[in-house]
């Protein structure tokens, strides 16, 4: 099954994508340009056998008619144009319909992905963890299907959903280095709703949440850490806020100041028997720890075990767990 390219909808989303994903292949196109539309399908086909989509790699498409700022930033004058980025930097660019050069770019892409996966598996310093893993369990965050995840009530001036699963050390722990905002904040109030579908059936043991809001006791406008969280499993799509408020959760979580370590991470043990063989997780931040109207999350980690690859076509047919 060919996974479609992610449609970039704004310059902010583009910046977040480059910041959160080690390798990005972008196809610049116009709906009125047939060659550029065909090029998207060709690139999707070439990337079909490359592992790492949604973790170290993402395939994106940019509509140059709607996102002229991005088009101008990279001097796109020919369609189709394909660009390869690694760690936010351009490493290759193919302008026009050039099968030979596109094949070379794909080979370069494969080498970059292999290198990134090897680096990730070796536990290099670029893979940051906010807390130790429970004995006998592994980080299964890479099973989150990022291109289908959805985050509601997020402030668009901060990062998007992808930054939550970044393996990079949060900028708040690095003296604020970096220009991109690598965290998310709520928008109109102190609630967030995150839908996470998985690539395989998971058994979840622990949820690790990192929240690093700035500290100023006299400023009620600054975001706070999450306090009350509700988790729901095996939902075919995101919930609405009223629905999440009223629905019985798979697990309710109340966080206190003592739950956060020096890295700003809380390790939340889950009721393991309730988190067996799940294909999706909805995380609802019901309120923050304070009077602020904003809540902040920097990173999320899922700890447990992964199982058989999920049949993507069956996701919409799966209902709630018995007894929920």
C-alpha atoms as a PDB file:
ATOM      1  CA  UNK A   1       0.000   0.000   0.000  1.00  0.00           C
ATOM      2  CA  UNK A   2       1.444   3.375  -1.064  1.00  0.00           C
ATOM      3  CA  UNK A   3       1.350   5.967   1.731  1.00  0.00           C
ATOM      4  CA  UNK A   4       0.344   9.406   0.415  1.00  0.00           C
ATOM      5  CA  UNK A   5       2.525  12.459   0.879  1.00  0.00           C
ATOM      6  CA  UNK A   6       1.617  14.834   3.703  1.00  0.00           C
ATOM      7  CA  UNK A   7       0.056  18.078   2.468  1.00  0.00           C
ATOM      8  CA  UNK A   8       1.818  21.086   4.013  1.00  0.00           C
ATOM      9  CA  UNK A   9      -0.820  23.687   4.876  1.00  0.00           C
ATOM     10  CA  UNK A  10       1.165  26.633   6.239  1.00  0.00           C
ATOM     11  CA  UNK A  11       4.717  27.993   6.635  1.00  0.00           C
ATOM     12  CA  UNK A  12       4.497  27.236  10.363  1.00  0.00           C
ATOM     13  CA  UNK A  13       3.639  23.593   9.642  1.00  0.00           C
ATOM     14  CA  UNK A  14       6.529  23.422   7.168  1.00  0.00           C
ATOM     15  CA  UNK A  15       8.977  24.757   9.778  1.00  0.00           C
ATOM     16  CA  UNK A  16       7.693  22.286  12.368  1.00  0.00           C
ATOM     17  CA  UNK A  17       8.055  19.419   9.901  1.00  0.00           C
ATOM     18  CA  UNK A  18      11.679  20.261   9.125  1.00  0.00           C
ATOM     19  CA  UNK A  19      12.430  20.741  12.819  1.00  0.00           C
ATOM     20  CA  UNK A  20      10.813  17.506  14.021  1.00  0.00           C
ATOM     21  CA  UNK A  21      11.801  15.083  11.229  1.00  0.00           C
ATOM     22  CA  UNK A  22      15.374  14.138  10.406  1.00  0.00           C
ATOM     23  CA  UNK A  23      14.744  13.541   6.692  1.00  0.00           C
ATOM     24  CA  UNK A  24      12.095  15.250   4.582  1.00  0.00           C
ATOM     25  CA  UNK A  25      11.453  14.817   0.865  1.00  0.00           C
ATOM     26  CA  UNK A  26       9.303  17.647  -0.501  1.00  0.00           C
ATOM     27  CA  UNK A  27       7.536  17.743  -3.836  1.00  0.00           C
ATOM     28  CA  UNK A  28       6.637  21.278  -4.952  1.00  0.00           C
ATOM     29  CA  UNK A  29       3.585  21.214  -7.210  1.00  0.00           C
ATOM     30  CA  UNK A  30       0.633  23.101  -8.648  1.00  0.00           C
ATOM     31  CA  UNK A  31      -2.846  21.573  -9.104  1.00  0.00           C
ATOM     32  CA  UNK A  32      -2.880  23.033 -12.614  1.00  0.00           C
ATOM     33  CA  UNK A  33       0.442  21.421 -13.555  1.00  0.00           C
ATOM     34  CA  UNK A  34      -0.095  17.827 -14.666  1.00  0.00           C
ATOM     35  CA  UNK A  35       3.595  16.913 -14.637  1.00  0.00           C
ATOM     36  CA  UNK A  36       3.992  17.969 -11.014  1.00  0.00           C
ATOM     37  CA  UNK A  37       0.933  15.961  -9.969  1.00  0.00           C
ATOM     38  CA  UNK A  38       2.331  12.891 -11.704  1.00  0.00           C
ATOM     39  CA  UNK A  39       5.687  13.479 -10.020  1.00  0.00           C
ATOM     40  CA  UNK A  40       4.029  13.215  -6.603  1.00  0.00           C
ATOM     41  CA  UNK A  41       2.681   9.754  -7.434  1.00  0.00           C
ATOM     42  CA  UNK A  42       6.077   8.677  -8.791  1.00  0.00           C
ATOM     43  CA  UNK A  43       7.820   9.809  -5.608  1.00  0.00           C
ATOM     44  CA  UNK A  44       5.202   8.089  -3.416  1.00  0.00           C
ATOM     45  CA  UNK A  45       5.795   4.894  -5.383  1.00  0.00           C
ATOM     46  CA  UNK A  46       9.611   5.137  -5.064  1.00  0.00           C
ATOM     47  CA  UNK A  47       9.351   5.671  -1.290  1.00  0.00           C
ATOM     48  CA  UNK A  48       7.002   2.716  -0.777  1.00  0.00           C
ATOM     49  CA  UNK A  49       9.738   0.273   0.209  1.00  0.00           C
ATOM     50  CA  UNK A  50      11.693   2.695   2.401  1.00  0.00           C
ATOM     51  CA  UNK A  51      11.164   2.085   6.111  1.00  0.00           C
ATOM     52  CA  UNK A  52      11.019   4.922   8.598  1.00  0.00           C
ATOM     53  CA  UNK A  53       7.987   6.921   7.409  1.00  0.00           C
ATOM     54  CA  UNK A  54       6.607   8.921  10.338  1.00  0.00           C
ATOM     55  CA  UNK A  55       9.772   8.465  12.438  1.00  0.00           C
ATOM     56  CA  UNK A  56      13.031   9.516  10.738  1.00  0.00           C
ATOM     57  CA  UNK A  57      11.434  10.191   7.334  1.00  0.00           C
ATOM     58  CA  UNK A  58       8.467  12.100   5.953  1.00  0.00           C
ATOM     59  CA  UNK A  59       7.270  12.695   2.420  1.00  0.00           C
ATOM     60  CA  UNK A  60       5.576  16.071   1.913  1.00  0.00           C
ATOM     61  CA  UNK A  61       3.964  18.048  -0.882  1.00  0.00           C
ATOM     62  CA  UNK A  62       3.817  21.837  -1.109  1.00  0.00           C
ATOM     63  CA  UNK A  63       1.241  23.669  -3.223  1.00  0.00           C
ATOM     64  CA  UNK A  64       3.212  26.601  -4.641  1.00  0.00           C
ATOM     65  CA  UNK A  65       0.013  28.455  -5.624  1.00  0.00           C
ATOM     66  CA  UNK A  66      -1.068  28.672  -1.986  1.00  0.00           C
ATOM     67  CA  UNK A  67       2.305  28.746  -0.202  1.00  0.00           C
ATOM     68  CA  UNK A  68       4.230  31.349  -2.175  1.00  0.00           C
ATOM     69  CA  UNK A  69       6.423  32.227   0.810  1.00  0.00           C
ATOM     70  CA  UNK A  70       7.877  28.710   0.855  1.00  0.00           C
ATOM     71  CA  UNK A  71       8.172  28.700  -2.927  1.00  0.00           C
ATOM     72  CA  UNK A  72      10.130  31.966  -2.870  1.00  0.00           C
ATOM     73  CA  UNK A  73      12.321  30.872   0.038  1.00  0.00           C
ATOM     74  CA  UNK A  74      13.688  28.002  -2.068  1.00  0.00           C
ATOM     75  CA  UNK A  75      13.625  29.833  -5.424  1.00  0.00           C
ATOM     76  CA  UNK A  76      11.217  27.360  -7.025  1.00  0.00           C
ATOM     77  CA  UNK A  77      10.875  28.385 -10.668  1.00  0.00           C
ATOM     78  CA  UNK A  78      10.308  25.003 -12.338  1.00  0.00           C
ATOM     79  CA  UNK A  79       7.664  22.370 -11.771  1.00  0.00           C
ATOM     80  CA  UNK A  80       7.940  19.706 -10.678  1.00  0.00           C
ATOM     81  CA  UNK A  81      10.741  20.377  -8.173  1.00  0.00           C
ATOM     82  CA  UNK A  82      11.803  17.761  -5.638  1.00  0.00           C
ATOM     83  CA  UNK A  83      13.961  18.634  -2.628  1.00  0.00           C
ATOM     84  CA  UNK A  84      15.651  16.458  -0.024  1.00  0.00           C
ATOM     85  CA  UNK A  85      16.323  17.829   3.477  1.00  0.00           C
ATOM     86  CA  UNK A  86      18.309  16.317   6.319  1.00  0.00           C
ATOM     87  CA  UNK A  87      18.257  17.884   9.795  1.00  0.00           C
ATOM     88  CA  UNK A  88      16.491  20.886   8.275  1.00  0.00           C
ATOM     89  CA  UNK A  89      19.148  21.521   5.615  1.00  0.00           C
ATOM     90  CA  UNK A  90      18.821  21.080   1.852  1.00  0.00           C
ATOM     91  CA  UNK A  91      21.056  18.273   0.559  1.00  0.00           C
ATOM     92  CA  UNK A  92      19.641  17.750  -2.943  1.00  0.00           C
ATOM     93  CA  UNK A  93      17.289  19.399  -5.418  1.00  0.00           C
ATOM     94  CA  UNK A  94      15.859  18.162  -8.722  1.00  0.00           C
ATOM     95  CA  UNK A  95      14.173  20.769 -10.936  1.00  0.00           C
ATOM     96  CA  UNK A  96      11.968  19.608 -13.788  1.00  0.00           C
ATOM     97  CA  UNK A  97      11.026  16.192 -15.116  1.00  0.00           C
ATOM     98  CA  UNK A  98      14.385  14.397 -14.850  1.00  0.00           C
ATOM     99  CA  UNK A  99      14.010  10.632 -14.117  1.00  0.00           C
ATOM    100  CA  UNK A 100      17.762  10.040 -13.875  1.00  0.00           C
ATOM    101  CA  UNK A 101      18.308  12.796 -11.297  1.00  0.00           C
ATOM    102  CA  UNK A 102      15.204  11.753  -9.375  1.00  0.00           C
ATOM    103  CA  UNK A 103      16.562   8.184  -9.160  1.00  0.00           C
ATOM    104  CA  UNK A 104      19.821   9.584  -7.781  1.00  0.00           C
ATOM    105  CA  UNK A 105      17.891  11.589  -5.194  1.00  0.00           C
ATOM    106  CA  UNK A 106      15.977   8.471  -4.111  1.00  0.00           C
ATOM    107  CA  UNK A 107      19.250   6.548  -3.674  1.00  0.00           C
ATOM    108  CA  UNK A 108      20.622   9.420  -1.594  1.00  0.00           C
ATOM    109  CA  UNK A 109      17.398   9.327   0.417  1.00  0.00           C
ATOM    110  CA  UNK A 110      17.787   5.598   1.133  1.00  0.00           C
ATOM    111  CA  UNK A 111      21.347   6.088   2.385  1.00  0.00           C
ATOM    112  CA  UNK A 112      20.283   8.979   4.601  1.00  0.00           C
ATOM    113  CA  UNK A 113      17.418   6.954   6.106  1.00  0.00           C
ATOM    114  CA  UNK A 114      19.686   3.961   6.755  1.00  0.00           C
ATOM    115  CA  UNK A 115      22.193   6.234   8.466  1.00  0.00           C
ATOM    116  CA  UNK A 116      19.510   7.890  10.593  1.00  0.00           C
ATOM    117  CA  UNK A 117      18.033   4.540  11.651  1.00  0.00           C
ATOM    118  CA  UNK A 118      21.472   3.217  12.586  1.00  0.00           C
ATOM    119  CA  UNK A 119      22.115   6.345  14.619  1.00  0.00           C
ATOM    120  CA  UNK A 120      18.731   5.976  16.322  1.00  0.00           C
ATOM    121  CA  UNK A 121      19.308   2.296  17.125  1.00  0.00           C
ATOM    122  CA  UNK A 122      22.757   2.988  18.572  1.00  0.00           C
ATOM    123  CA  UNK A 123      21.269   5.378  21.119  1.00  0.00           C
ATOM    124  CA  UNK A 124      23.330   8.351  19.993  1.00  0.00           C
ATOM    125  CA  UNK A 125      23.260  11.633  21.894  1.00  0.00           C
ATOM    126  CA  UNK A 126      20.684  13.050  19.461  1.00  0.00           C
ATOM    127  CA  UNK A 127      18.081  10.631  20.856  1.00  0.00           C
ATOM    128  CA  UNK A 128      16.997  12.316  24.075  1.00  0.00           C
ATOM    129  CA  UNK A 129      14.994  10.648  26.826  1.00  0.00           C
ATOM    130  CA  UNK A 130      13.364  12.498  29.691  1.00  0.00           C
ATOM    131  CA  UNK A 131      13.310   9.502  32.024  1.00  0.00           C
ATOM    132  CA  UNK A 132      14.603   5.939  32.270  1.00  0.00           C
ATOM    133  CA  UNK A 133      12.603   3.120  30.716  1.00  0.00           C
ATOM    134  CA  UNK A 134      10.869   0.613  32.997  1.00  0.00           C
ATOM    135  CA  UNK A 135      12.779  -2.668  33.144  1.00  0.00           C
ATOM    136  CA  UNK A 136      11.703  -5.113  30.438  1.00  0.00           C
ATOM    137  CA  UNK A 137       9.941  -2.559  28.217  1.00  0.00           C
ATOM    138  CA  UNK A 138      10.971  -0.469  25.217  1.00  0.00           C
ATOM    139  CA  UNK A 139      10.159   2.887  23.655  1.00  0.00           C
ATOM    140  CA  UNK A 140       7.401   2.266  21.095  1.00  0.00           C
ATOM    141  CA  UNK A 141       6.805   5.919  20.220  1.00  0.00           C
ATOM    142  CA  UNK A 142       7.998   5.223  16.685  1.00  0.00           C
ATOM    143  CA  UNK A 143       4.786   3.235  16.155  1.00  0.00           C
ATOM    144  CA  UNK A 144       2.711   6.425  16.198  1.00  0.00           C
ATOM    145  CA  UNK A 145       1.409   7.118  12.698  1.00  0.00           C
ATOM    146  CA  UNK A 146       2.308  10.798  12.581  1.00  0.00           C
ATOM    147  CA  UNK A 147       0.660  11.691   9.290  1.00  0.00           C
ATOM    148  CA  UNK A 148      -2.735  10.639  10.693  1.00  0.00           C
ATOM    149  CA  UNK A 149      -2.327  12.031  14.210  1.00  0.00           C
ATOM    150  CA  UNK A 150      -4.447  15.038  15.139  1.00  0.00           C
ATOM    151  CA  UNK A 151      -4.006  17.699  17.826  1.00  0.00           C
ATOM    152  CA  UNK A 152      -6.922  20.008  18.656  1.00  0.00           C
ATOM    153  CA  UNK A 153      -6.890  23.452  20.305  1.00  0.00           C
ATOM    154  CA  UNK A 154      -3.201  23.978  19.604  1.00  0.00           C
ATOM    155  CA  UNK A 155      -1.730  27.460  19.383  1.00  0.00           C
ATOM    156  CA  UNK A 156      -0.386  27.731  15.821  1.00  0.00           C
ATOM    157  CA  UNK A 157       2.367  30.066  16.994  1.00  0.00           C
ATOM    158  CA  UNK A 158       4.003  27.065  18.692  1.00  0.00           C
ATOM    159  CA  UNK A 159       4.991  23.689  17.237  1.00  0.00           C
ATOM    160  CA  UNK A 160       2.687  21.116  15.686  1.00  0.00           C
ATOM    161  CA  UNK A 161       1.875  17.562  16.678  1.00  0.00           C
ATOM    162  CA  UNK A 162       5.148  16.186  15.291  1.00  0.00           C
ATOM    163  CA  UNK A 163       7.361  18.041  17.749  1.00  0.00           C
ATOM    164  CA  UNK A 164       5.794  16.053  20.586  1.00  0.00           C
ATOM    165  CA  UNK A 165       7.485  12.897  19.283  1.00  0.00           C
ATOM    166  CA  UNK A 166      10.844  14.437  18.378  1.00  0.00           C
ATOM    167  CA  UNK A 167      13.897  12.561  19.662  1.00  0.00           C
ATOM    168  CA  UNK A 168      15.821  15.810  20.038  1.00  0.00           C
ATOM    169  CA  UNK A 169      16.476  17.329  23.456  1.00  0.00           C
ATOM    170  CA  UNK A 170      13.871  20.047  24.158  1.00  0.00           C
ATOM    171  CA  UNK A 171      15.214  23.525  23.524  1.00  0.00           C
ATOM    172  CA  UNK A 172      14.045  24.566  27.002  1.00  0.00           C
ATOM    173  CA  UNK A 173      16.747  22.267  28.411  1.00  0.00           C
ATOM    174  CA  UNK A 174      19.369  23.629  26.018  1.00  0.00           C
ATOM    175  CA  UNK A 175      19.218  27.277  26.962  1.00  0.00           C
ATOM    176  CA  UNK A 176      16.514  27.978  24.391  1.00  0.00           C
ATOM    177  CA  UNK A 177      18.812  27.223  21.444  1.00  0.00           C
ATOM    178  CA  UNK A 178      17.136  27.011  18.060  1.00  0.00           C
ATOM    179  CA  UNK A 179      14.662  29.329  16.392  1.00  0.00           C
ATOM    180  CA  UNK A 180      11.715  26.924  16.043  1.00  0.00           C
ATOM    181  CA  UNK A 181       9.306  26.455  18.949  1.00  0.00           C
ATOM    182  CA  UNK A 182       9.654  22.748  19.654  1.00  0.00           C
ATOM    183  CA  UNK A 183       6.696  22.415  22.003  1.00  0.00           C
ATOM    184  CA  UNK A 184       2.930  22.780  21.847  1.00  0.00           C
ATOM    185  CA  UNK A 185       0.618  25.058  23.802  1.00  0.00           C
ATOM    186  CA  UNK A 186      -3.141  25.123  23.991  1.00  0.00           C
ATOM    187  CA  UNK A 187      -4.955  28.001  22.322  1.00  0.00           C
ATOM    188  CA  UNK A 188      -8.303  29.189  23.698  1.00  0.00           C
ATOM    189  CA  UNK A 189      -8.155  27.450  27.103  1.00  0.00           C
ATOM    190  CA  UNK A 190      -6.058  24.932  29.062  1.00  0.00           C
ATOM    191  CA  UNK A 191      -7.276  21.836  27.198  1.00  0.00           C
ATOM    192  CA  UNK A 192      -5.668  19.721  24.471  1.00  0.00           C
ATOM    193  CA  UNK A 193      -6.952  16.690  22.537  1.00  0.00           C
ATOM    194  CA  UNK A 194      -4.435  14.417  20.819  1.00  0.00           C
ATOM    195  CA  UNK A 195      -5.362  11.433  18.626  1.00  0.00           C
ATOM    196  CA  UNK A 196      -2.558   8.902  17.990  1.00  0.00           C
ATOM    197  CA  UNK A 197      -3.183   5.944  15.630  1.00  0.00           C
ATOM    198  CA  UNK A 198      -0.532   3.208  15.663  1.00  0.00           C
ATOM    199  CA  UNK A 199       1.219   1.276  12.906  1.00  0.00           C
ATOM    200  CA  UNK A 200       0.918  -1.964  14.904  1.00  0.00           C
ATOM    201  CA  UNK A 201      -1.028  -3.317  17.855  1.00  0.00           C
ATOM    202  CA  UNK A 202       0.618  -2.121  21.077  1.00  0.00           C
ATOM    203  CA  UNK A 203       0.727  -3.054  24.734  1.00  0.00           C
ATOM    204  CA  UNK A 204       1.371   0.126  26.703  1.00  0.00           C
ATOM    205  CA  UNK A 205       2.993   0.098  30.130  1.00  0.00           C
ATOM    206  CA  UNK A 206       4.020   3.720  30.758  1.00  0.00           C
ATOM    207  CA  UNK A 207       3.291   7.180  29.386  1.00  0.00           C
ATOM    208  CA  UNK A 208       6.101   9.735  29.710  1.00  0.00           C
ATOM    209  CA  UNK A 209       5.107  13.403  29.437  1.00  0.00           C
ATOM    210  CA  UNK A 210       7.621  16.242  29.322  1.00  0.00           C
ATOM    211  CA  UNK A 211       6.431  19.769  30.089  1.00  0.00           C
ATOM    212  CA  UNK A 212       8.848  22.673  30.502  1.00  0.00           C
ATOM    213  CA  UNK A 213       6.881  25.920  30.874  1.00  0.00           C
ATOM    214  CA  UNK A 214       8.795  29.086  31.802  1.00  0.00           C
ATOM    215  CA  UNK A 215       8.683  29.906  35.508  1.00  0.00           C
ATOM    216  CA  UNK A 216       7.267  33.185  36.736  1.00  0.00           C
ATOM    217  CA  UNK A 217       4.922  32.950  39.712  1.00  0.00           C
ATOM    218  CA  UNK A 218       3.559  36.433  39.064  1.00  0.00           C
ATOM    219  CA  UNK A 219       2.537  35.867  35.434  1.00  0.00           C
ATOM    220  CA  UNK A 220      -0.813  34.088  35.011  1.00  0.00           C
ATOM    221  CA  UNK A 221      -0.495  34.276  31.200  1.00  0.00           C
ATOM    222  CA  UNK A 222       2.374  31.778  31.060  1.00  0.00           C
ATOM    223  CA  UNK A 223       1.421  28.171  30.216  1.00  0.00           C
ATOM    224  CA  UNK A 224       1.324  25.512  32.922  1.00  0.00           C
ATOM    225  CA  UNK A 225       1.932  21.786  33.075  1.00  0.00           C
ATOM    226  CA  UNK A 226      -0.927  19.316  32.549  1.00  0.00           C
ATOM    227  CA  UNK A 227      -2.707  18.285  35.724  1.00  0.00           C
ATOM    228  CA  UNK A 228      -5.769  16.200  34.806  1.00  0.00           C
ATOM    229  CA  UNK A 229      -5.451  13.795  31.853  1.00  0.00           C
ATOM    230  CA  UNK A 230      -7.893  11.253  30.456  1.00  0.00           C
ATOM    231  CA  UNK A 231      -6.801   8.407  28.164  1.00  0.00           C
ATOM    232  CA  UNK A 232      -9.050   6.543  25.711  1.00  0.00           C
ATOM    233  CA  UNK A 233      -7.988   3.508  23.657  1.00  0.00           C
ATOM    234  CA  UNK A 234      -9.064   2.061  20.305  1.00  0.00           C
ATOM    235  CA  UNK A 235     -10.956   5.072  19.028  1.00  0.00           C
ATOM    236  CA  UNK A 236     -11.215   5.241  15.203  1.00  0.00           C
ATOM    237  CA  UNK A 237     -10.748   9.041  15.248  1.00  0.00           C
ATOM    238  CA  UNK A 238     -10.349  11.965  17.614  1.00  0.00           C
ATOM    239  CA  UNK A 239     -13.024  12.881  20.150  1.00  0.00           C
ATOM    240  CA  UNK A 240     -14.735  16.218  20.639  1.00  0.00           C
ATOM    241  CA  UNK A 241     -14.026  18.176  23.811  1.00  0.00           C
ATOM    242  CA  UNK A 242     -17.556  17.736  25.221  1.00  0.00           C
ATOM    243  CA  UNK A 243     -17.426  14.035  24.389  1.00  0.00           C
ATOM    244  CA  UNK A 244     -14.050  13.645  26.114  1.00  0.00           C
ATOM    245  CA  UNK A 245     -15.362  15.462  29.183  1.00  0.00           C
ATOM    246  CA  UNK A 246     -18.380  13.145  29.514  1.00  0.00           C
ATOM    247  CA  UNK A 247     -17.026   9.797  28.330  1.00  0.00           C
ATOM    248  CA  UNK A 248     -15.631   7.306  30.834  1.00  0.00           C
ATOM    249  CA  UNK A 249     -11.868   7.105  30.294  1.00  0.00           C
ATOM    250  CA  UNK A 250      -9.747   3.982  30.029  1.00  0.00           C
ATOM    251  CA  UNK A 251      -7.605   5.674  32.681  1.00  0.00           C
ATOM    252  CA  UNK A 252      -7.818   8.966  34.576  1.00  0.00           C
ATOM    253  CA  UNK A 253      -4.548  10.630  35.590  1.00  0.00           C
ATOM    254  CA  UNK A 254      -3.927  13.349  38.196  1.00  0.00           C
ATOM    255  CA  UNK A 255      -0.416  14.804  38.183  1.00  0.00           C
ATOM    256  CA  UNK A 256       1.160  16.690  41.075  1.00  0.00           C
ATOM    257  CA  UNK A 257       4.383  18.674  41.405  1.00  0.00           C
ATOM    258  CA  UNK A 258       6.232  15.660  42.839  1.00  0.00           C
ATOM    259  CA  UNK A 259       5.581  13.623  39.674  1.00  0.00           C
ATOM    260  CA  UNK A 260       7.900  15.778  37.541  1.00  0.00           C
ATOM    261  CA  UNK A 261      11.637  15.014  37.496  1.00  0.00           C
ATOM    262  CA  UNK A 262      14.496  17.473  36.884  1.00  0.00           C
ATOM    263  CA  UNK A 263      14.113  16.941  33.124  1.00  0.00           C
ATOM    264  CA  UNK A 264      10.509  18.115  33.371  1.00  0.00           C
ATOM    265  CA  UNK A 265       9.206  14.590  32.709  1.00  0.00           C
ATOM    266  CA  UNK A 266       6.462  12.663  34.483  1.00  0.00           C
ATOM    267  CA  UNK A 267       6.444   8.861  34.094  1.00  0.00           C
ATOM    268  CA  UNK A 268       2.850   7.677  34.397  1.00  0.00           C
ATOM    269  CA  UNK A 269       2.319   3.934  34.967  1.00  0.00           C
ATOM    270  CA  UNK A 270      -0.688   2.663  33.052  1.00  0.00           C
ATOM    271  CA  UNK A 271      -3.169  -0.003  34.113  1.00  0.00           C
ATOM    272  CA  UNK A 272      -1.460  -2.547  31.908  1.00  0.00           C
ATOM    273  CA  UNK A 273      -4.430  -4.900  31.620  1.00  0.00           C
ATOM    274  CA  UNK A 274      -6.480  -2.089  30.051  1.00  0.00           C
ATOM    275  CA  UNK A 275      -3.809  -1.186  27.495  1.00  0.00           C
ATOM    276  CA  UNK A 276      -3.404  -4.556  25.766  1.00  0.00           C
ATOM    277  CA  UNK A 277      -3.699  -4.858  21.960  1.00  0.00           C
ATOM    278  CA  UNK A 278      -4.566  -1.257  21.229  1.00  0.00           C
ATOM    279  CA  UNK A 279      -4.462   0.403  17.823  1.00  0.00           C
ATOM    280  CA  UNK A 280      -4.935   4.031  18.877  1.00  0.00           C
ATOM    281  CA  UNK A 281      -4.762   6.332  21.883  1.00  0.00           C
ATOM    282  CA  UNK A 282      -6.565   9.598  22.601  1.00  0.00           C
ATOM    283  CA  UNK A 283      -4.937  11.846  25.213  1.00  0.00           C
ATOM    284  CA  UNK A 284      -7.192  14.543  26.674  1.00  0.00           C
ATOM    285  CA  UNK A 285      -5.626  17.235  28.857  1.00  0.00           C
ATOM    286  CA  UNK A 286      -8.679  18.343  30.833  1.00  0.00           C
ATOM    287  CA  UNK A 287      -6.919  21.139  32.724  1.00  0.00           C
ATOM    288  CA  UNK A 288      -3.553  22.555  33.671  1.00  0.00           C
ATOM    289  CA  UNK A 289      -1.867  22.902  37.042  1.00  0.00           C
ATOM    290  CA  UNK A 290      -2.664  26.534  37.789  1.00  0.00           C
ATOM    291  CA  UNK A 291      -4.806  29.497  36.840  1.00  0.00           C
ATOM    292  CA  UNK A 292      -3.370  30.007  33.358  1.00  0.00           C
ATOM    293  CA  UNK A 293      -5.572  29.553  30.302  1.00  0.00           C
ATOM    294  CA  UNK A 294      -2.747  27.733  28.531  1.00  0.00           C
ATOM    295  CA  UNK A 295      -1.107  24.338  29.014  1.00  0.00           C
ATOM    296  CA  UNK A 296       2.192  23.184  27.503  1.00  0.00           C
ATOM    297  CA  UNK A 297       3.643  19.825  26.435  1.00  0.00           C
ATOM    298  CA  UNK A 298       7.174  19.459  25.045  1.00  0.00           C
ATOM    299  CA  UNK A 299       7.520  15.702  24.462  1.00  0.00           C
ATOM    300  CA  UNK A 300       5.557  12.457  24.694  1.00  0.00           C
ATOM    301  CA  UNK A 301       6.962   8.932  24.945  1.00  0.00           C
ATOM    302  CA  UNK A 302       5.051   5.649  24.821  1.00  0.00           C
ATOM    303  CA  UNK A 303       6.647   2.706  26.624  1.00  0.00           C
ATOM    304  CA  UNK A 304       5.548  -0.900  26.213  1.00  0.00           C
ATOM    305  CA  UNK A 305       5.615  -3.650  23.595  1.00  0.00           C
ATOM    306  CA  UNK A 306       4.716  -3.690  19.915  1.00  0.00           C
ATOM    307  CA  UNK A 307       2.980  -6.561  18.185  1.00  0.00           C
ATOM    308  CA  UNK A 308       1.689  -7.457  14.739  1.00  0.00           C
ATOM    309  CA  UNK A 309       1.362  -4.752  12.110  1.00  0.00           C
ATOM    310  CA  UNK A 310      -2.168  -3.373  12.036  1.00  0.00           C
ATOM    311  CA  UNK A 311      -4.364  -3.716   8.958  1.00  0.00           C
ATOM    312  CA  UNK A 312      -4.763  -0.054   8.002  1.00  0.00           C
ATOM    313  CA  UNK A 313      -8.047  -0.725   6.217  1.00  0.00           C
ATOM    314  CA  UNK A 314      -9.717  -1.952   9.382  1.00  0.00           C
ATOM    315  CA  UNK A 315      -9.076   1.065  11.579  1.00  0.00           C
ATOM    316  CA  UNK A 316     -12.424   2.709  10.874  1.00  0.00           C
ATOM    317  CA  UNK A 317     -14.260  -0.515  11.735  1.00  0.00           C
ATOM    318  CA  UNK A 318     -12.841  -0.908  15.225  1.00  0.00           C
ATOM    319  CA  UNK A 319     -15.081   0.293  18.031  1.00  0.00           C
ATOM    320  CA  UNK A 320     -14.655   0.755  21.752  1.00  0.00           C
ATOM    321  CA  UNK A 321     -13.339  -1.867  24.098  1.00  0.00           C
ATOM    322  CA  UNK A 322     -15.993  -3.924  25.924  1.00  0.00           C
ATOM    323  CA  UNK A 323     -17.093  -2.240  29.102  1.00  0.00           C
ATOM    324  CA  UNK A 324     -16.060   1.276  28.120  1.00  0.00           C
END
